[in-house]
Amino acid sequence: MTLLDVLDSRISTPSSQLSEPGPDHDQVLRMLRSAVRVPDHGRLAPWRFVRIRGEARRALGDVLAERCRERDPDASNAVVEKDRQRFVQAPVVIAVVACIHKGHRIPEVEQLLSGGSVCFALLQAAQGMGFGAQWLTGWAAYDPKVRETLSIAPDEQVLGFVHIGSVAGPIPERLRPDPAALLTDWTPA
C-alpha cells in the first residue's frame, strides 16, 4: 500500500467495537513515537499522554458515573451506566493533553493544532499496527473533577481520548465529503 492508500483507508472504529487484545506497552510506545512526529512549530512538544488501561478504566468509569449523578440528579440509570462504561470497552485509552506554552512567540492556536495532529497521527499509527481506534472527547474531557482525577493541570486541556483495541467486527464506511466541492481558488483582485 502507498501512503495515500493508507490515508484513504483510515476509519474510526467505534469504541463499542474495540476489544482485547489491545496494544502492549512496547506497541503503545511505538505508536506514540509515530504520533509525536507531527508539525510542532518551535519544537515545544505542547502535549503529553495519559494512558488508561486495566482496572483504571473501571475506576475512571466509577468517577464518571458519580459525576453524572452530581451533574444531573435526575439522570436515568441507563445514562449513568453509559458513562460508567465509557472507558471500559477499549483495552487502552490514551488521553492526549495539550500543555500550552502561554505567552510564547508560537501562537497558542498553533500549539493546539499540533496537539490535534498528534491525536490524528495516533489514530493512523494504531491502524498501521493492525488495531482499531477512535478519537473521542465528550463531557469528561472538560469536567473539572474528571480532569483533577486524571491529574490534568488547570492550564492544560484534554484534546481527546484515543480508544485503541482489536476490531471486533466490520466497520461500515461513511460518506465522505467531496473535496472538489470544498475547494476554491483565490485570485488577486
N, C-alpha and C. Protein backbone atom coordinates (compact mmCIF):
# COMPACT_ATOMS: atom_id res chain seq x y z
N MET A 1 0.84 -1.20 0.00
CA MET A 1 0.00 0.00 0.00
C MET A 1 0.88 1.25 0.00
N THR A 2 0.43 2.24 -0.73
CA THR A 2 1.13 3.51 -0.72
C THR A 2 0.65 4.32 0.49
N LEU A 3 1.35 5.39 0.79
CA LEU A 3 0.93 6.27 1.88
C LEU A 3 -0.47 6.81 1.62
N LEU A 4 -0.78 7.18 0.38
CA LEU A 4 -2.12 7.67 0.07
C LEU A 4 -3.17 6.59 0.28
N ASP A 5 -2.84 5.34 -0.05
CA ASP A 5 -3.78 4.24 0.20
C ASP A 5 -4.07 4.12 1.70
N VAL A 6 -3.03 4.26 2.49
CA VAL A 6 -3.19 4.19 3.95
C VAL A 6 -4.09 5.33 4.43
N LEU A 7 -3.82 6.54 3.98
CA LEU A 7 -4.65 7.68 4.38
C LEU A 7 -6.09 7.50 3.91
N ASP A 8 -6.26 7.01 2.69
CA ASP A 8 -7.59 6.83 2.14
C ASP A 8 -8.38 5.71 2.83
N SER A 9 -7.69 4.82 3.52
CA SER A 9 -8.38 3.71 4.18
C SER A 9 -8.62 3.99 5.67
N ARG A 10 -8.22 5.16 6.15
CA ARG A 10 -8.40 5.46 7.57
C ARG A 10 -9.88 5.47 7.92
N ILE A 11 -10.19 4.86 9.04
CA ILE A 11 -11.58 4.80 9.50
C ILE A 11 -11.57 4.76 11.02
N SER A 12 -12.54 5.41 11.63
CA SER A 12 -12.68 5.32 13.08
C SER A 12 -13.47 4.08 13.43
N THR A 13 -12.95 3.32 14.36
CA THR A 13 -13.65 2.14 14.86
C THR A 13 -14.39 2.56 16.13
N PRO A 14 -15.71 2.48 16.15
CA PRO A 14 -16.42 2.87 17.36
C PRO A 14 -15.87 2.14 18.58
N SER A 15 -15.71 2.87 19.68
CA SER A 15 -15.12 2.26 20.87
C SER A 15 -15.90 1.03 21.31
N SER A 16 -17.20 0.99 21.02
CA SER A 16 -18.00 -0.19 21.38
C SER A 16 -17.60 -1.43 20.58
N GLN A 17 -16.84 -1.25 19.50
CA GLN A 17 -16.39 -2.39 18.69
C GLN A 17 -14.89 -2.67 18.87
N LEU A 18 -14.33 -2.14 19.94
CA LEU A 18 -12.93 -2.41 20.25
C LEU A 18 -12.86 -3.40 21.41
N SER A 19 -11.96 -4.36 21.30
CA SER A 19 -11.87 -5.40 22.32
C SER A 19 -10.41 -5.81 22.52
N GLU A 20 -10.22 -6.75 23.43
CA GLU A 20 -8.90 -7.34 23.65
C GLU A 20 -8.54 -8.18 22.43
N PRO A 21 -7.27 -8.36 22.16
CA PRO A 21 -6.16 -7.74 22.87
C PRO A 21 -5.93 -6.31 22.39
N GLY A 22 -5.46 -5.53 23.32
CA GLY A 22 -5.06 -4.17 22.99
C GLY A 22 -3.55 -4.13 22.83
N PRO A 23 -3.03 -2.97 22.52
CA PRO A 23 -1.58 -2.86 22.37
C PRO A 23 -0.88 -3.00 23.72
N ASP A 24 0.26 -3.67 23.70
CA ASP A 24 1.05 -3.78 24.92
C ASP A 24 1.90 -2.51 25.07
N HIS A 25 2.70 -2.48 26.11
CA HIS A 25 3.49 -1.28 26.42
C HIS A 25 4.39 -0.87 25.24
N ASP A 26 5.11 -1.84 24.69
CA ASP A 26 6.02 -1.52 23.59
C ASP A 26 5.26 -1.04 22.35
N GLN A 27 4.10 -1.63 22.10
CA GLN A 27 3.30 -1.19 20.95
C GLN A 27 2.77 0.23 21.16
N VAL A 28 2.36 0.54 22.38
CA VAL A 28 1.91 1.92 22.66
C VAL A 28 3.05 2.89 22.43
N LEU A 29 4.23 2.56 22.94
CA LEU A 29 5.38 3.46 22.74
C LEU A 29 5.70 3.61 21.25
N ARG A 30 5.56 2.54 20.49
CA ARG A 30 5.82 2.62 19.05
C ARG A 30 4.80 3.55 18.38
N MET A 31 3.54 3.43 18.77
CA MET A 31 2.51 4.33 18.23
C MET A 31 2.82 5.78 18.58
N LEU A 32 3.19 6.00 19.82
CA LEU A 32 3.47 7.37 20.26
C LEU A 32 4.71 7.94 19.55
N ARG A 33 5.68 7.08 19.26
CA ARG A 33 6.86 7.54 18.54
C ARG A 33 6.46 8.09 17.17
N SER A 34 5.50 7.46 16.52
CA SER A 34 5.00 7.98 15.25
C SER A 34 4.15 9.22 15.47
N ALA A 35 3.33 9.21 16.50
CA ALA A 35 2.40 10.31 16.74
C ALA A 35 3.10 11.63 17.03
N VAL A 36 4.26 11.58 17.66
CA VAL A 36 4.93 12.84 18.02
C VAL A 36 5.73 13.45 16.87
N ARG A 37 5.67 12.84 15.69
CA ARG A 37 6.38 13.37 14.52
C ARG A 37 5.55 14.40 13.76
N VAL A 38 4.58 14.98 14.42
CA VAL A 38 3.70 15.97 13.79
C VAL A 38 4.40 17.32 13.69
N PRO A 39 3.87 18.21 12.86
CA PRO A 39 4.41 19.57 12.84
C PRO A 39 4.33 20.17 14.24
N ASP A 40 5.40 20.81 14.65
CA ASP A 40 5.50 21.36 16.01
C ASP A 40 6.37 22.61 15.94
N HIS A 41 5.75 23.71 15.53
CA HIS A 41 6.45 24.99 15.38
C HIS A 41 7.15 25.34 16.69
N GLY A 42 8.43 25.54 16.64
CA GLY A 42 9.21 25.89 17.82
C GLY A 42 9.68 24.71 18.64
N ARG A 43 9.36 23.49 18.17
CA ARG A 43 9.77 22.27 18.90
C ARG A 43 9.38 22.35 20.39
N LEU A 44 8.14 22.75 20.65
CA LEU A 44 7.68 22.91 22.03
C LEU A 44 7.14 21.61 22.64
N ALA A 45 6.75 20.67 21.79
CA ALA A 45 6.06 19.45 22.25
C ALA A 45 4.97 19.86 23.26
N PRO A 46 3.98 20.64 22.79
CA PRO A 46 2.96 21.16 23.72
C PRO A 46 1.85 20.15 24.02
N TRP A 47 2.24 18.91 24.32
CA TRP A 47 1.29 17.86 24.60
C TRP A 47 1.98 16.79 25.43
N ARG A 48 1.15 16.00 26.08
CA ARG A 48 1.61 14.83 26.83
C ARG A 48 0.50 13.79 26.79
N PHE A 49 0.77 12.61 27.34
CA PHE A 49 -0.16 11.49 27.24
C PHE A 49 -0.45 10.90 28.61
N VAL A 50 -1.70 10.50 28.80
CA VAL A 50 -2.10 9.75 30.00
C VAL A 50 -2.73 8.45 29.51
N ARG A 51 -2.12 7.33 29.89
CA ARG A 51 -2.64 6.02 29.47
C ARG A 51 -3.62 5.52 30.54
N ILE A 52 -4.76 5.04 30.07
CA ILE A 52 -5.79 4.48 30.95
C ILE A 52 -6.01 3.05 30.48
N ARG A 53 -5.72 2.08 31.34
CA ARG A 53 -5.82 0.67 30.96
C ARG A 53 -6.14 -0.17 32.19
N GLY A 54 -6.46 -1.42 31.95
CA GLY A 54 -6.73 -2.35 33.05
C GLY A 54 -7.85 -1.85 33.95
N GLU A 55 -7.69 -2.08 35.23
CA GLU A 55 -8.72 -1.69 36.20
C GLU A 55 -8.88 -0.18 36.32
N ALA A 56 -7.89 0.58 35.88
CA ALA A 56 -8.02 2.05 35.90
C ALA A 56 -9.21 2.50 35.06
N ARG A 57 -9.53 1.75 34.01
CA ARG A 57 -10.68 2.09 33.16
C ARG A 57 -11.97 2.02 33.96
N ARG A 58 -12.11 0.98 34.79
CA ARG A 58 -13.31 0.84 35.61
C ARG A 58 -13.36 1.91 36.70
N ALA A 59 -12.23 2.20 37.29
CA ALA A 59 -12.18 3.24 38.32
C ALA A 59 -12.59 4.60 37.73
N LEU A 60 -12.10 4.89 36.54
CA LEU A 60 -12.49 6.14 35.89
C LEU A 60 -13.98 6.12 35.55
N GLY A 61 -14.49 4.97 35.14
CA GLY A 61 -15.92 4.84 34.88
C GLY A 61 -16.75 5.12 36.11
N ASP A 62 -16.28 4.67 37.28
CA ASP A 62 -16.99 4.95 38.53
C ASP A 62 -17.01 6.46 38.81
N VAL A 63 -15.89 7.12 38.52
CA VAL A 63 -15.84 8.58 38.71
C VAL A 63 -16.84 9.25 37.77
N LEU A 64 -16.90 8.80 36.53
CA LEU A 64 -17.85 9.39 35.57
C LEU A 64 -19.30 9.16 36.01
N ALA A 65 -19.59 7.97 36.51
CA ALA A 65 -20.96 7.69 36.96
C ALA A 65 -21.34 8.60 38.12
N GLU A 66 -20.42 8.76 39.07
CA GLU A 66 -20.66 9.65 40.21
C GLU A 66 -20.86 11.10 39.74
N ARG A 67 -20.00 11.54 38.83
CA ARG A 67 -20.13 12.91 38.31
C ARG A 67 -21.42 13.08 37.53
N CYS A 68 -21.82 12.07 36.81
CA CYS A 68 -23.08 12.13 36.05
C CYS A 68 -24.24 12.40 37.01
N ARG A 69 -24.28 11.69 38.13
CA ARG A 69 -25.34 11.89 39.13
C ARG A 69 -25.24 13.29 39.76
N GLU A 70 -24.01 13.75 40.01
CA GLU A 70 -23.83 15.09 40.58
C GLU A 70 -24.29 16.17 39.61
N ARG A 71 -23.97 15.99 38.34
CA ARG A 71 -24.32 16.98 37.32
C ARG A 71 -25.81 16.98 37.02
N ASP A 72 -26.42 15.80 37.11
CA ASP A 72 -27.85 15.67 36.81
C ASP A 72 -28.46 14.62 37.72
N PRO A 73 -28.95 15.04 38.89
CA PRO A 73 -29.52 14.08 39.84
C PRO A 73 -30.69 13.28 39.25
N ASP A 74 -31.30 13.80 38.19
CA ASP A 74 -32.42 13.10 37.56
C ASP A 74 -32.00 12.19 36.41
N ALA A 75 -30.70 12.04 36.20
CA ALA A 75 -30.22 11.19 35.10
C ALA A 75 -30.73 9.76 35.29
N SER A 76 -31.16 9.17 34.20
CA SER A 76 -31.65 7.79 34.27
C SER A 76 -30.50 6.84 34.57
N ASN A 77 -30.85 5.68 35.07
CA ASN A 77 -29.83 4.66 35.33
C ASN A 77 -29.10 4.29 34.05
N ALA A 78 -29.80 4.29 32.91
CA ALA A 78 -29.16 3.96 31.63
C ALA A 78 -28.09 4.98 31.28
N VAL A 79 -28.36 6.25 31.52
CA VAL A 79 -27.39 7.30 31.22
C VAL A 79 -26.17 7.16 32.14
N VAL A 80 -26.43 6.91 33.42
CA VAL A 80 -25.33 6.74 34.38
C VAL A 80 -24.47 5.54 33.99
N GLU A 81 -25.11 4.44 33.62
CA GLU A 81 -24.36 3.24 33.25
C GLU A 81 -23.58 3.44 31.96
N LYS A 82 -24.13 4.20 31.03
CA LYS A 82 -23.40 4.50 29.79
C LYS A 82 -22.10 5.24 30.13
N ASP A 83 -22.19 6.21 31.05
CA ASP A 83 -20.97 6.92 31.46
C ASP A 83 -20.02 5.99 32.21
N ARG A 84 -20.54 5.09 33.02
CA ARG A 84 -19.69 4.15 33.75
C ARG A 84 -18.90 3.26 32.79
N GLN A 85 -19.51 2.93 31.65
CA GLN A 85 -18.88 2.03 30.68
C GLN A 85 -18.05 2.76 29.63
N ARG A 86 -18.01 4.08 29.68
CA ARG A 86 -17.39 4.89 28.62
C ARG A 86 -15.93 4.50 28.33
N PHE A 87 -15.19 4.07 29.33
CA PHE A 87 -13.76 3.78 29.14
C PHE A 87 -13.41 2.30 29.28
N VAL A 88 -14.40 1.42 29.39
CA VAL A 88 -14.07 0.01 29.62
C VAL A 88 -14.08 -0.83 28.36
N GLN A 89 -14.59 -0.31 27.27
CA GLN A 89 -14.70 -1.14 26.07
C GLN A 89 -13.34 -1.36 25.40
N ALA A 90 -12.63 -0.30 25.11
CA ALA A 90 -11.31 -0.42 24.50
C ALA A 90 -10.30 -0.82 25.58
N PRO A 91 -9.38 -1.72 25.26
CA PRO A 91 -8.39 -2.14 26.25
C PRO A 91 -7.44 -1.03 26.70
N VAL A 92 -7.18 -0.07 25.80
CA VAL A 92 -6.27 1.04 26.11
C VAL A 92 -6.90 2.34 25.63
N VAL A 93 -6.84 3.34 26.49
CA VAL A 93 -7.28 4.69 26.12
C VAL A 93 -6.11 5.62 26.42
N ILE A 94 -5.76 6.42 25.43
CA ILE A 94 -4.70 7.41 25.61
C ILE A 94 -5.34 8.79 25.61
N ALA A 95 -5.23 9.49 26.72
CA ALA A 95 -5.68 10.88 26.77
C ALA A 95 -4.54 11.73 26.22
N VAL A 96 -4.83 12.51 25.20
CA VAL A 96 -3.85 13.45 24.65
C VAL A 96 -4.14 14.80 25.29
N VAL A 97 -3.15 15.32 25.98
CA VAL A 97 -3.32 16.52 26.79
C VAL A 97 -2.47 17.64 26.22
N ALA A 98 -3.11 18.78 25.96
CA ALA A 98 -2.39 19.96 25.48
C ALA A 98 -1.75 20.67 26.66
N CYS A 99 -0.47 20.96 26.53
CA CYS A 99 0.29 21.70 27.54
C CYS A 99 0.77 22.99 26.87
N ILE A 100 -0.12 23.95 26.77
CA ILE A 100 0.14 25.17 26.00
C ILE A 100 1.13 26.06 26.73
N HIS A 101 2.09 26.55 25.96
CA HIS A 101 3.09 27.49 26.48
C HIS A 101 2.51 28.89 26.29
N LYS A 102 1.87 29.40 27.32
CA LYS A 102 1.21 30.71 27.25
C LYS A 102 2.26 31.81 27.11
N GLY A 103 1.91 32.82 26.31
CA GLY A 103 2.80 33.96 26.15
C GLY A 103 4.03 33.67 25.31
N HIS A 104 4.11 32.49 24.74
CA HIS A 104 5.26 32.13 23.90
C HIS A 104 5.09 32.77 22.53
N ARG A 105 6.19 32.93 21.81
CA ARG A 105 6.11 33.53 20.47
C ARG A 105 5.33 32.66 19.50
N ILE A 106 5.23 31.35 19.79
CA ILE A 106 4.42 30.45 18.97
C ILE A 106 2.97 30.62 19.42
N PRO A 107 2.08 31.04 18.52
CA PRO A 107 0.69 31.26 18.93
C PRO A 107 0.05 30.00 19.53
N GLU A 108 -0.82 30.22 20.51
CA GLU A 108 -1.49 29.11 21.18
C GLU A 108 -2.25 28.23 20.20
N VAL A 109 -2.88 28.84 19.19
CA VAL A 109 -3.65 28.05 18.24
C VAL A 109 -2.75 27.07 17.49
N GLU A 110 -1.52 27.47 17.18
CA GLU A 110 -0.59 26.55 16.51
C GLU A 110 -0.21 25.39 17.43
N GLN A 111 -0.09 25.67 18.71
CA GLN A 111 0.22 24.61 19.67
C GLN A 111 -0.96 23.63 19.78
N LEU A 112 -2.18 24.17 19.80
CA LEU A 112 -3.36 23.30 19.85
C LEU A 112 -3.48 22.46 18.59
N LEU A 113 -3.22 23.08 17.44
CA LEU A 113 -3.29 22.33 16.19
C LEU A 113 -2.25 21.21 16.17
N SER A 114 -1.09 21.46 16.73
CA SER A 114 -0.08 20.42 16.82
C SER A 114 -0.60 19.25 17.66
N GLY A 115 -1.26 19.57 18.77
CA GLY A 115 -1.84 18.52 19.61
C GLY A 115 -2.94 17.75 18.90
N GLY A 116 -3.77 18.46 18.13
CA GLY A 116 -4.79 17.78 17.34
C GLY A 116 -4.16 16.86 16.31
N SER A 117 -3.04 17.30 15.75
CA SER A 117 -2.33 16.45 14.80
C SER A 117 -1.80 15.19 15.47
N VAL A 118 -1.38 15.31 16.73
CA VAL A 118 -0.93 14.14 17.48
C VAL A 118 -2.07 13.13 17.61
N CYS A 119 -3.27 13.63 17.91
CA CYS A 119 -4.43 12.72 18.01
C CYS A 119 -4.64 11.97 16.70
N PHE A 120 -4.61 12.70 15.59
CA PHE A 120 -4.81 12.06 14.29
C PHE A 120 -3.68 11.08 13.97
N ALA A 121 -2.45 11.48 14.23
CA ALA A 121 -1.32 10.60 13.95
C ALA A 121 -1.39 9.34 14.82
N LEU A 122 -1.88 9.47 16.04
CA LEU A 122 -2.04 8.29 16.90
C LEU A 122 -3.09 7.34 16.33
N LEU A 123 -4.18 7.89 15.78
CA LEU A 123 -5.16 7.04 15.10
C LEU A 123 -4.52 6.29 13.94
N GLN A 124 -3.73 7.00 13.15
CA GLN A 124 -3.06 6.39 12.00
C GLN A 124 -2.08 5.30 12.45
N ALA A 125 -1.32 5.59 13.50
CA ALA A 125 -0.34 4.62 13.99
C ALA A 125 -1.03 3.36 14.50
N ALA A 126 -2.14 3.54 15.22
CA ALA A 126 -2.87 2.38 15.72
C ALA A 126 -3.36 1.53 14.56
N GLN A 127 -3.94 2.16 13.56
CA GLN A 127 -4.44 1.41 12.40
C GLN A 127 -3.28 0.75 11.66
N GLY A 128 -2.16 1.45 11.56
CA GLY A 128 -0.99 0.90 10.89
C GLY A 128 -0.43 -0.33 11.58
N MET A 129 -0.69 -0.44 12.88
CA MET A 129 -0.22 -1.61 13.63
C MET A 129 -1.30 -2.68 13.74
N GLY A 130 -2.40 -2.50 13.00
CA GLY A 130 -3.44 -3.52 12.97
C GLY A 130 -4.53 -3.38 14.02
N PHE A 131 -4.56 -2.27 14.72
CA PHE A 131 -5.59 -2.03 15.73
C PHE A 131 -6.64 -1.08 15.17
N GLY A 132 -7.78 -1.04 15.83
CA GLY A 132 -8.79 -0.04 15.56
C GLY A 132 -8.64 1.06 16.60
N ALA A 133 -9.14 2.25 16.27
CA ALA A 133 -9.04 3.36 17.22
C ALA A 133 -10.14 4.37 16.94
N GLN A 134 -10.49 5.10 18.00
CA GLN A 134 -11.46 6.18 17.87
C GLN A 134 -11.03 7.33 18.78
N TRP A 135 -11.12 8.54 18.24
CA TRP A 135 -10.78 9.77 18.96
C TRP A 135 -12.08 10.37 19.45
N LEU A 136 -12.25 10.43 20.78
CA LEU A 136 -13.46 10.97 21.40
C LEU A 136 -13.10 12.03 22.43
N THR A 137 -14.06 12.89 22.71
CA THR A 137 -13.92 13.82 23.83
C THR A 137 -15.09 13.59 24.77
N GLY A 138 -16.20 14.27 24.55
CA GLY A 138 -17.35 14.16 25.45
C GLY A 138 -17.15 15.04 26.67
N TRP A 139 -18.18 15.09 27.48
CA TRP A 139 -18.16 16.00 28.63
C TRP A 139 -17.01 15.70 29.58
N ALA A 140 -16.57 14.46 29.65
CA ALA A 140 -15.50 14.09 30.59
C ALA A 140 -14.20 14.85 30.30
N ALA A 141 -13.97 15.21 29.05
CA ALA A 141 -12.74 15.92 28.69
C ALA A 141 -12.70 17.32 29.29
N TYR A 142 -13.87 17.85 29.64
CA TYR A 142 -13.95 19.23 30.10
C TYR A 142 -14.37 19.37 31.56
N ASP A 143 -14.74 18.26 32.18
CA ASP A 143 -15.25 18.29 33.55
C ASP A 143 -14.11 18.48 34.56
N PRO A 144 -14.25 19.47 35.46
CA PRO A 144 -13.16 19.75 36.41
C PRO A 144 -12.79 18.55 37.30
N LYS A 145 -13.77 17.81 37.78
CA LYS A 145 -13.45 16.68 38.67
C LYS A 145 -12.77 15.55 37.91
N VAL A 146 -13.22 15.28 36.70
CA VAL A 146 -12.58 14.23 35.89
C VAL A 146 -11.16 14.66 35.55
N ARG A 147 -11.00 15.91 35.19
CA ARG A 147 -9.66 16.43 34.88
C ARG A 147 -8.74 16.29 36.10
N GLU A 148 -9.26 16.64 37.27
CA GLU A 148 -8.47 16.51 38.50
C GLU A 148 -8.12 15.05 38.77
N THR A 149 -9.08 14.16 38.56
CA THR A 149 -8.84 12.73 38.76
C THR A 149 -7.69 12.24 37.87
N LEU A 150 -7.62 12.76 36.64
CA LEU A 150 -6.58 12.36 35.69
C LEU A 150 -5.29 13.19 35.82
N SER A 151 -5.22 14.03 36.84
CA SER A 151 -4.06 14.91 37.07
C SER A 151 -3.80 15.85 35.89
N ILE A 152 -4.88 16.40 35.35
CA ILE A 152 -4.79 17.40 34.30
C ILE A 152 -4.72 18.76 34.98
N ALA A 153 -3.63 19.47 34.79
CA ALA A 153 -3.44 20.77 35.44
C ALA A 153 -4.46 21.78 34.92
N PRO A 154 -4.75 22.81 35.72
CA PRO A 154 -5.72 23.83 35.30
C PRO A 154 -5.36 24.51 33.98
N ASP A 155 -4.07 24.59 33.66
CA ASP A 155 -3.66 25.26 32.42
C ASP A 155 -3.49 24.28 31.26
N GLU A 156 -3.93 23.03 31.44
CA GLU A 156 -3.87 22.03 30.39
C GLU A 156 -5.28 21.74 29.87
N GLN A 157 -5.37 21.10 28.69
CA GLN A 157 -6.64 20.73 28.08
C GLN A 157 -6.57 19.31 27.58
N VAL A 158 -7.64 18.56 27.77
CA VAL A 158 -7.74 17.24 27.14
C VAL A 158 -8.19 17.47 25.71
N LEU A 159 -7.35 17.09 24.76
CA LEU A 159 -7.69 17.23 23.34
C LEU A 159 -8.49 16.05 22.85
N GLY A 160 -8.34 14.93 23.51
CA GLY A 160 -9.11 13.77 23.11
C GLY A 160 -8.68 12.54 23.88
N PHE A 161 -9.61 11.60 23.92
CA PHE A 161 -9.34 10.27 24.44
C PHE A 161 -9.29 9.36 23.23
N VAL A 162 -8.13 8.77 22.95
CA VAL A 162 -7.99 7.88 21.81
C VAL A 162 -8.11 6.45 22.32
N HIS A 163 -9.23 5.81 21.96
CA HIS A 163 -9.54 4.45 22.38
C HIS A 163 -8.90 3.50 21.36
N ILE A 164 -8.15 2.50 21.85
CA ILE A 164 -7.41 1.61 20.96
C ILE A 164 -7.63 0.15 21.38
N GLY A 165 -7.87 -0.70 20.39
CA GLY A 165 -8.01 -2.13 20.66
C GLY A 165 -8.16 -2.90 19.37
N SER A 166 -8.43 -4.17 19.51
CA SER A 166 -8.67 -5.03 18.35
C SER A 166 -10.09 -4.78 17.84
N VAL A 167 -10.24 -4.83 16.54
CA VAL A 167 -11.54 -4.58 15.92
C VAL A 167 -12.39 -5.84 16.05
N ALA A 168 -13.59 -5.68 16.63
CA ALA A 168 -14.45 -6.82 16.92
C ALA A 168 -15.38 -7.20 15.77
N GLY A 169 -15.40 -6.43 14.70
CA GLY A 169 -16.28 -6.74 13.59
C GLY A 169 -16.11 -5.73 12.48
N PRO A 170 -16.84 -5.92 11.38
CA PRO A 170 -16.69 -4.99 10.25
C PRO A 170 -17.18 -3.59 10.62
N ILE A 171 -16.47 -2.60 10.12
CA ILE A 171 -16.80 -1.20 10.36
C ILE A 171 -17.33 -0.63 9.05
N PRO A 172 -18.56 -0.16 9.03
CA PRO A 172 -19.09 0.40 7.79
C PRO A 172 -18.41 1.72 7.44
N GLU A 173 -18.16 1.89 6.17
CA GLU A 173 -17.59 3.16 5.68
C GLU A 173 -18.71 4.19 5.70
N ARG A 174 -18.35 5.42 6.00
CA ARG A 174 -19.34 6.50 5.96
C ARG A 174 -19.09 7.37 4.74
N LEU A 175 -20.09 8.10 4.36
CA LEU A 175 -19.97 9.01 3.23
C LEU A 175 -18.96 10.10 3.58
N ARG A 176 -18.03 10.35 2.70
CA ARG A 176 -17.00 11.37 2.91
C ARG A 176 -17.32 12.59 2.05
N PRO A 177 -16.89 13.77 2.49
CA PRO A 177 -17.14 14.97 1.69
C PRO A 177 -16.38 14.93 0.37
N ASP A 178 -16.92 15.62 -0.62
CA ASP A 178 -16.29 15.73 -1.93
C ASP A 178 -15.29 16.89 -1.88
N PRO A 179 -13.99 16.62 -1.98
CA PRO A 179 -13.00 17.68 -1.91
C PRO A 179 -13.21 18.76 -2.97
N ALA A 180 -13.68 18.37 -4.15
CA ALA A 180 -13.91 19.36 -5.21
C ALA A 180 -14.96 20.38 -4.80
N ALA A 181 -15.92 19.98 -4.00
CA ALA A 181 -16.96 20.90 -3.55
C ALA A 181 -16.45 21.84 -2.47
N LEU A 182 -15.32 21.51 -1.86
CA LEU A 182 -14.77 22.32 -0.78
C LEU A 182 -13.63 23.23 -1.24
N LEU A 183 -13.19 23.05 -2.47
CA LEU A 183 -12.02 23.75 -2.98
C LEU A 183 -12.43 25.01 -3.75
N THR A 184 -11.79 26.11 -3.42
CA THR A 184 -11.92 27.33 -4.21
C THR A 184 -10.52 27.83 -4.53
N ASP A 185 -10.42 28.58 -5.60
CA ASP A 185 -9.15 29.19 -5.97
C ASP A 185 -9.21 30.67 -5.64
N TRP A 186 -8.16 31.14 -5.01
CA TRP A 186 -8.05 32.56 -4.76
C TRP A 186 -7.38 33.20 -5.95
N THR A 187 -7.92 34.28 -6.38
CA THR A 187 -7.28 35.04 -7.46
C THR A 187 -7.18 36.49 -7.01
N PRO A 188 -6.07 37.12 -7.31
CA PRO A 188 -5.91 38.51 -6.88
C PRO A 188 -6.93 39.40 -7.58
N ALA A 189 -7.35 40.42 -6.86
CA ALA A 189 -8.33 41.37 -7.42
C ALA A 189 -7.72 42.24 -8.49
